Protein backbone atom coordinates (compact mmCIF):
# COMPACT_ATOMS: atom_id res chain seq x y z
CA MET A 1 139.45 334.44 114.47
CA LYS A 2 140.44 331.64 116.86
CA LYS A 3 138.45 329.09 114.84
CA ILE A 4 140.22 330.13 111.62
CA VAL A 5 143.62 329.65 113.24
CA ILE A 6 142.61 326.22 114.56
CA ILE A 7 141.38 325.15 111.11
CA LEU A 8 144.58 326.41 109.48
CA LEU A 9 146.75 324.54 111.98
CA GLN A 10 144.74 321.37 111.42
CA ILE A 11 145.13 321.69 107.65
CA VAL A 12 148.89 322.12 108.16
CA LEU A 13 148.91 318.90 110.22
CA ILE A 14 147.07 317.08 107.43
CA ASP A 15 149.53 318.53 104.91
CA ILE A 16 152.44 317.21 106.96
CA PHE A 17 151.16 313.71 106.29
CA LEU A 18 150.96 314.57 102.59
CA LEU A 19 154.57 315.75 102.64
CA VAL A 20 155.68 312.60 104.43
CA GLY A 21 153.82 310.58 101.78
CA ILE A 22 155.66 312.50 99.06
CA GLY A 23 158.97 311.79 100.79
CA ILE A 24 158.22 308.08 101.09
CA LYS A 25 157.18 307.95 97.43
CA GLN A 26 160.51 309.49 96.40
CA LEU A 27 162.53 307.09 98.56
CA ILE A 28 160.63 303.88 97.88
CA PRO A 29 159.11 303.00 94.49
CA ILE A 30 155.63 302.15 95.81
CA PRO A 31 152.95 301.85 93.09
CA LEU A 32 150.64 304.27 94.94
CA PRO A 33 150.22 308.03 94.62
CA ALA A 34 151.90 310.06 97.34
CA THR A 35 148.52 311.44 98.41
CA ILE A 36 147.22 307.93 99.11
CA ILE A 37 150.38 307.08 101.05
CA GLY A 38 149.84 310.21 103.16
CA LEU A 39 146.20 309.29 103.79
CA ILE A 40 147.19 305.77 104.82
CA LEU A 41 149.74 307.22 107.24
CA LEU A 42 147.12 309.60 108.65
CA PHE A 43 144.67 306.70 108.99
CA PHE A 44 147.18 304.62 110.94
CA ALA A 45 148.13 307.61 113.10
CA LEU A 46 144.47 308.20 113.94
CA ASN A 47 143.78 304.49 114.42
CA SER A 48 146.75 304.02 116.76
CA LYS A 49 145.83 307.19 118.71
CA LEU A 50 149.12 308.94 117.85
CA ILE A 51 146.93 311.76 116.53
CA LYS A 52 143.59 312.56 118.11
CA LEU A 53 140.63 313.08 115.81
CA GLU A 54 140.01 316.48 117.38
CA TRP A 55 143.41 317.60 116.09
CA VAL A 56 142.33 317.28 112.43
CA GLU A 57 138.53 317.13 112.47
CA GLN A 58 137.62 320.78 111.80
CA GLY A 59 140.34 321.15 109.17
CA GLY A 60 139.18 317.99 107.44
CA GLN A 61 135.55 319.13 107.50
CA TRP A 62 136.54 322.46 105.96
CA LEU A 63 138.51 320.72 103.21
CA MET A 64 135.54 318.44 102.49
CA ALA A 65 133.26 321.48 102.27
CA GLN A 66 135.59 323.04 99.67
CA LEU A 67 135.91 319.80 97.66
CA LEU A 68 133.18 320.81 95.20
CA LEU A 69 135.36 323.67 93.96
CA PHE A 70 137.92 321.14 92.72
CA PHE A 71 135.32 319.50 90.46
CA VAL A 72 134.04 322.68 88.80
CA PRO A 73 136.83 322.84 86.15
CA SER A 74 136.23 319.23 85.10
CA ALA A 75 132.46 319.80 84.92
CA VAL A 76 132.99 322.89 82.75
CA GLY A 77 135.39 320.87 80.58
CA LEU A 78 132.53 318.50 79.72
CA MET A 79 131.07 321.24 77.54
CA ASP A 80 133.85 320.52 75.02
CA TYR A 81 132.41 317.05 74.42
CA GLN A 82 129.04 317.54 72.76
CA GLU A 83 128.77 313.81 71.98
CA LEU A 84 128.18 313.18 75.68
CA PHE A 85 124.82 314.90 75.28
CA SER A 86 123.78 312.81 72.27
CA LEU A 87 122.45 309.25 72.14
CA GLN A 88 125.99 307.97 72.58
CA GLY A 89 126.20 309.98 75.78
CA VAL A 90 122.96 308.49 77.09
CA TRP A 91 124.39 304.98 76.65
CA LEU A 92 127.60 306.07 78.33
CA MET A 93 125.70 307.48 81.30
CA LEU A 94 123.62 304.29 81.59
CA ILE A 95 126.79 302.18 81.60
CA ILE A 96 128.34 304.42 84.27
CA LEU A 97 125.16 304.23 86.37
CA LEU A 98 124.92 300.44 86.04
CA SER A 99 128.60 299.89 86.85
CA THR A 100 128.31 302.19 89.87
CA ILE A 101 125.33 300.22 91.17
CA ILE A 102 127.21 296.94 90.66
CA VAL A 103 130.31 298.26 92.47
CA LEU A 104 128.21 299.55 95.38
CA GLY A 105 126.33 296.23 95.61
CA VAL A 106 129.47 294.09 95.50
CA THR A 107 131.23 296.34 98.02
CA GLY A 108 128.24 296.21 100.36
CA ARG A 109 128.05 292.42 100.07
CA ILE A 110 131.77 292.03 100.81
CA VAL A 111 131.43 294.27 103.88
CA GLN A 112 128.46 292.18 105.05
CA LEU A 113 130.50 289.00 104.62
CA PHE A 114 133.38 290.44 106.63
CA GLU A 115 131.07 291.75 109.35
CA GLY A 116 129.37 288.36 109.59
CA SER A 117 132.67 286.54 109.97
CA LYS A 118 133.54 288.28 113.25
């Protein structure tokens, strides 16, 4: 029971950053979603030690474990697009796979360049 309460309190703390992000988005026309603004604020709070990782770690892990549930409706929605399972769909999947590999490679190379410049 104690663990559930801790996780709930940690999720509330994470949600506070989301709400602050929503407030900032309403006040300032930043071209970023409010969720991203909240995550950036949480990142800086963790990085500057205003918030300890232990204060949000279990709640964040629980949210990550539940993340798959958010993708189920979109996966079921794919059944409406039969063309994705035809030859056209194979080409589409190959393009997605190739572009993902390119993005991962370029990102990895950029990180290596930045790490080498220190």
